[in-house]
Amino acid sequence: MKKFAVVLIAVYVFSLVVHAESEYELGINKWRSAHETELLADGSWLTVAGLFWLKDGVNTVGAGGIYDIQLTDNFAQGKFGEIVFSGGKATLNVVPGVNATSEGKPVTKIDLTSDEKAKSGKIEVGSQSFYLIKRQDRFAIRLKDNKSSSRTNFSGLKWFPIDPALEVTAQLEPYPEPKDVNVPNVLGGPFHTKVRAF
């Protein structure tokens, strides 16, 4: 009877370990699936088609290498318009015959709002969209295309096998006050931000 009880306890402990590993793997697989779904969504990082820093004065917009801001080949009308940039203010002028919208409304001339605000004004034309971003003291146009090859040819991410031995349990302790940090980024300089925990 004693031996039987020991066996039951061993089976119970083993089942708890297996269950814990299953929950761990389930959580990771759930995150991976959600991440891929997010990557395939309209306007995701897979749709990013270009980043163009603005110069003072006139910045031409259109499909082809002759333009300062180059739309993808999915825009077949040549010139799209011009962005006049001065003193941190960017105004878009759309050439006649181009059907561009912002928030569902047709636009021919509009002041662009950067993403440092709560909401940036996105310009849409066909499968493409672009908007003004500000990084430190520089301004640029970020271009996205929902029909980009990166998105249409996406076949899934490649993951390392899940190893429960690598699970780390931790608790983030927030700073009493947000801390200033400079984060290096792919745009060519540090991005200044505040963090509450590190």
Protein backbone atom coordinates (compact mmCIF):
# COMPACT_ATOMS: atom_id res chain seq x y z
CA MET A 1 0.00 0.00 0.00
CA LYS A 2 2.86 2.35 0.89
CA LYS A 3 4.60 1.62 -2.41
CA PHE A 4 1.36 2.29 -4.29
CA ALA A 5 1.01 5.68 -2.57
CA VAL A 6 4.57 6.59 -3.53
CA VAL A 7 3.84 5.68 -7.15
CA LEU A 8 0.67 7.82 -7.12
CA ILE A 9 2.61 10.79 -5.74
CA ALA A 10 5.32 10.35 -8.37
CA VAL A 11 2.72 10.22 -11.15
CA TYR A 12 1.00 13.30 -9.75
CA VAL A 13 4.26 15.28 -9.55
CA PHE A 14 5.20 14.20 -13.09
CA SER A 15 1.81 15.28 -14.40
CA LEU A 16 2.25 18.69 -12.79
CA VAL A 17 5.63 19.12 -14.50
CA VAL A 18 4.22 18.08 -17.88
CA HIS A 19 1.25 20.39 -17.40
CA ALA A 20 3.54 23.31 -16.52
CA GLU A 21 5.64 22.70 -19.62
CA SER A 22 2.50 22.50 -21.74
CA GLU A 23 1.27 25.84 -20.39
CA TYR A 24 4.67 27.37 -21.07
CA GLU A 25 4.74 26.11 -24.63
CA LEU A 26 1.11 27.08 -25.14
CA GLY A 27 1.84 30.65 -24.07
CA ILE A 28 4.79 30.98 -26.44
CA ASN A 29 2.93 29.45 -29.38
CA LYS A 30 -0.02 31.74 -28.73
CA TRP A 31 2.27 34.79 -28.78
CA ARG A 32 4.00 33.59 -31.96
CA SER A 33 0.67 33.11 -33.72
CA ALA A 34 -0.56 36.56 -32.67
CA HIS A 35 2.72 38.11 -33.78
CA GLU A 36 2.44 36.60 -37.27
CA THR A 37 -1.20 37.71 -37.52
CA GLU A 38 -0.10 41.23 -36.62
CA LEU A 39 2.65 41.15 -39.25
CA LEU A 40 0.13 40.20 -41.94
CA ALA A 41 -2.34 42.97 -41.06
CA ASP A 42 -2.92 46.08 -43.19
CA GLY A 43 -0.34 48.73 -42.35
CA SER A 44 1.95 46.27 -40.55
CA TRP A 45 5.75 46.33 -40.59
CA LEU A 46 5.70 43.96 -43.57
CA THR A 47 4.05 46.73 -45.58
CA VAL A 48 6.81 49.29 -44.93
CA ALA A 49 8.10 50.34 -48.36
CA GLY A 50 10.31 53.33 -47.68
CA LEU A 51 11.56 56.12 -45.41
CA PHE A 52 12.40 59.51 -46.89
CA TRP A 53 13.91 62.38 -44.90
CA LEU A 54 12.50 65.77 -45.84
CA LYS A 55 14.66 68.64 -47.04
CA ASP A 56 13.77 72.30 -46.70
CA GLY A 57 11.73 73.48 -49.66
CA VAL A 58 9.95 71.32 -52.22
CA ASN A 59 10.02 67.51 -51.93
CA THR A 60 8.53 65.81 -54.99
CA VAL A 61 6.37 62.69 -54.57
CA GLY A 62 5.75 60.03 -57.21
CA ALA A 63 6.61 56.59 -58.59
CA GLY A 64 10.14 56.39 -59.96
CA GLY A 65 13.71 57.36 -59.16
CA ILE A 66 13.31 61.00 -60.23
CA TYR A 67 11.21 61.82 -57.16
CA ASP A 68 12.43 62.71 -53.66
CA ILE A 69 9.73 60.52 -52.10
CA GLN A 70 9.35 57.41 -54.20
CA LEU A 71 6.05 55.55 -54.20
CA THR A 72 6.07 51.91 -55.26
CA ASP A 73 5.22 50.74 -58.76
CA ASN A 74 1.66 50.08 -57.56
CA PHE A 75 1.14 53.79 -58.18
CA ALA A 76 1.11 54.06 -61.97
CA GLN A 77 0.38 57.76 -62.49
CA GLY A 78 3.93 59.12 -62.31
CA LYS A 79 3.88 62.28 -60.20
CA PHE A 80 1.70 62.26 -57.08
CA GLY A 81 2.39 65.75 -55.79
CA GLU A 82 4.78 67.83 -53.70
CA ILE A 83 5.48 68.34 -50.02
CA VAL A 84 6.63 71.83 -49.11
CA PHE A 85 8.66 71.65 -45.91
CA SER A 86 9.84 74.60 -43.82
CA GLY A 87 10.34 75.23 -40.12
CA GLY A 88 8.97 71.83 -39.13
CA LYS A 89 5.78 72.35 -41.15
CA ALA A 90 4.96 70.05 -44.07
CA THR A 91 2.20 70.83 -46.58
CA LEU A 92 1.16 68.30 -49.22
CA ASN A 93 -0.11 69.48 -52.60
CA VAL A 94 -1.63 66.71 -54.74
CA VAL A 95 -1.51 67.08 -58.54
CA PRO A 96 -4.85 67.17 -60.38
CA GLY A 97 -6.19 63.77 -61.39
CA VAL A 98 -4.75 61.85 -58.41
CA ASN A 99 -7.35 60.38 -56.06
CA ALA A 100 -5.78 60.71 -52.61
CA THR A 101 -7.64 60.57 -49.31
CA SER A 102 -7.06 61.25 -45.64
CA GLU A 103 -9.42 59.69 -43.10
CA GLY A 104 -11.69 58.74 -45.99
CA LYS A 105 -11.98 62.27 -47.37
CA PRO A 106 -10.48 63.44 -50.70
CA VAL A 107 -7.50 65.76 -50.37
CA THR A 108 -5.81 68.14 -52.78
CA LYS A 109 -3.89 70.20 -50.21
CA ILE A 110 -3.31 69.37 -46.56
CA ASP A 111 -0.94 70.17 -43.70
CA LEU A 112 0.64 66.91 -42.49
CA THR A 113 0.63 66.12 -38.79
CA SER A 114 3.60 64.15 -37.46
CA ASP A 115 3.35 61.03 -35.32
CA GLU A 116 4.67 62.93 -32.28
CA LYS A 117 1.05 63.97 -31.88
CA ALA A 118 -1.55 61.53 -30.61
CA LYS A 119 -2.64 60.84 -34.17
CA SER A 120 -0.83 61.46 -37.44
CA GLY A 121 -2.63 62.33 -40.66
CA LYS A 122 -2.21 59.36 -43.01
CA ILE A 123 -2.47 59.94 -46.76
CA GLU A 124 -3.85 57.02 -48.78
CA VAL A 125 -3.72 56.29 -52.49
CA GLY A 126 -4.61 52.83 -53.78
CA SER A 127 -2.78 50.17 -51.76
CA GLN A 128 -0.28 52.72 -50.44
CA SER A 129 -0.23 55.14 -47.55
CA PHE A 130 2.28 57.53 -46.08
CA TYR A 131 2.54 59.84 -43.10
CA LEU A 132 4.90 62.32 -41.47
CA ILE A 133 7.17 61.15 -38.64
CA LYS A 134 9.47 63.14 -36.37
CA ARG A 135 12.64 61.68 -34.86
CA GLN A 136 14.53 64.06 -32.60
CA ASP A 137 14.69 67.23 -34.71
CA ARG A 138 14.31 65.50 -38.11
CA PHE A 139 11.18 64.88 -40.16
CA ALA A 140 10.56 62.11 -42.67
CA ILE A 141 7.84 60.41 -44.69
CA ARG A 142 7.21 56.74 -43.90
CA LEU A 143 5.67 54.87 -46.82
CA LYS A 144 3.65 51.65 -46.57
CA ASP A 145 2.11 49.45 -49.26
CA ASN A 146 -0.38 46.71 -48.41
CA LYS A 147 0.63 44.96 -51.63
CA SER A 148 4.35 44.97 -50.83
CA SER A 149 6.25 41.83 -51.82
CA SER A 150 7.38 41.37 -48.22
CA ARG A 151 3.74 40.92 -47.23
CA THR A 152 2.38 39.06 -50.25
CA ASN A 153 5.33 36.62 -50.27
CA PHE A 154 5.43 36.12 -46.50
CA SER A 155 5.59 32.38 -45.75
CA GLY A 156 5.88 32.47 -41.96
CA LEU A 157 8.62 33.10 -39.42
CA LYS A 158 11.31 30.57 -38.50
CA TRP A 159 11.49 29.90 -34.77
CA PHE A 160 13.93 28.12 -32.48
CA PRO A 161 12.47 25.06 -30.71
CA ILE A 162 10.82 25.88 -27.38
CA ASP A 163 13.02 24.85 -24.44
CA PRO A 164 11.29 24.98 -21.03
CA ALA A 165 14.74 25.07 -19.40
CA LEU A 166 15.13 28.64 -20.70
CA GLU A 167 12.03 29.95 -18.92
CA VAL A 168 12.85 32.86 -16.63
CA THR A 169 10.52 34.07 -13.90
CA ALA A 170 11.04 37.71 -13.01
CA GLN A 171 9.28 40.74 -11.62
CA LEU A 172 9.77 44.25 -12.99
CA GLU A 173 10.25 46.89 -10.34
CA PRO A 174 9.21 50.35 -11.58
CA TYR A 175 11.43 53.36 -11.00
CA PRO A 176 10.01 55.89 -8.50
CA GLU A 177 10.02 58.37 -11.40
CA PRO A 178 10.32 57.67 -15.16
CA LYS A 179 13.96 57.54 -16.24
CA ASP A 180 15.41 59.26 -19.32
CA VAL A 181 17.20 56.87 -21.68
CA ASN A 182 18.68 57.08 -25.18
CA VAL A 183 17.80 54.03 -27.29
CA PRO A 184 19.90 53.37 -30.45
CA ASN A 185 17.73 52.83 -33.52
CA VAL A 186 17.94 51.96 -37.21
CA LEU A 187 17.23 55.55 -38.26
CA GLY A 188 20.82 56.60 -37.59
CA GLY A 189 20.72 57.98 -34.07
CA PRO A 190 19.51 57.51 -30.50
CA PHE A 191 15.83 57.83 -29.71
CA HIS A 192 15.17 59.75 -26.51
CA THR A 193 12.39 58.32 -24.37
CA LYS A 194 11.28 57.74 -20.78
CA VAL A 195 10.94 54.32 -19.16
CA ARG A 196 9.18 53.29 -15.97
CA ALA A 197 11.09 50.02 -15.49
CA PHE A 198 14.24 48.50 -16.90
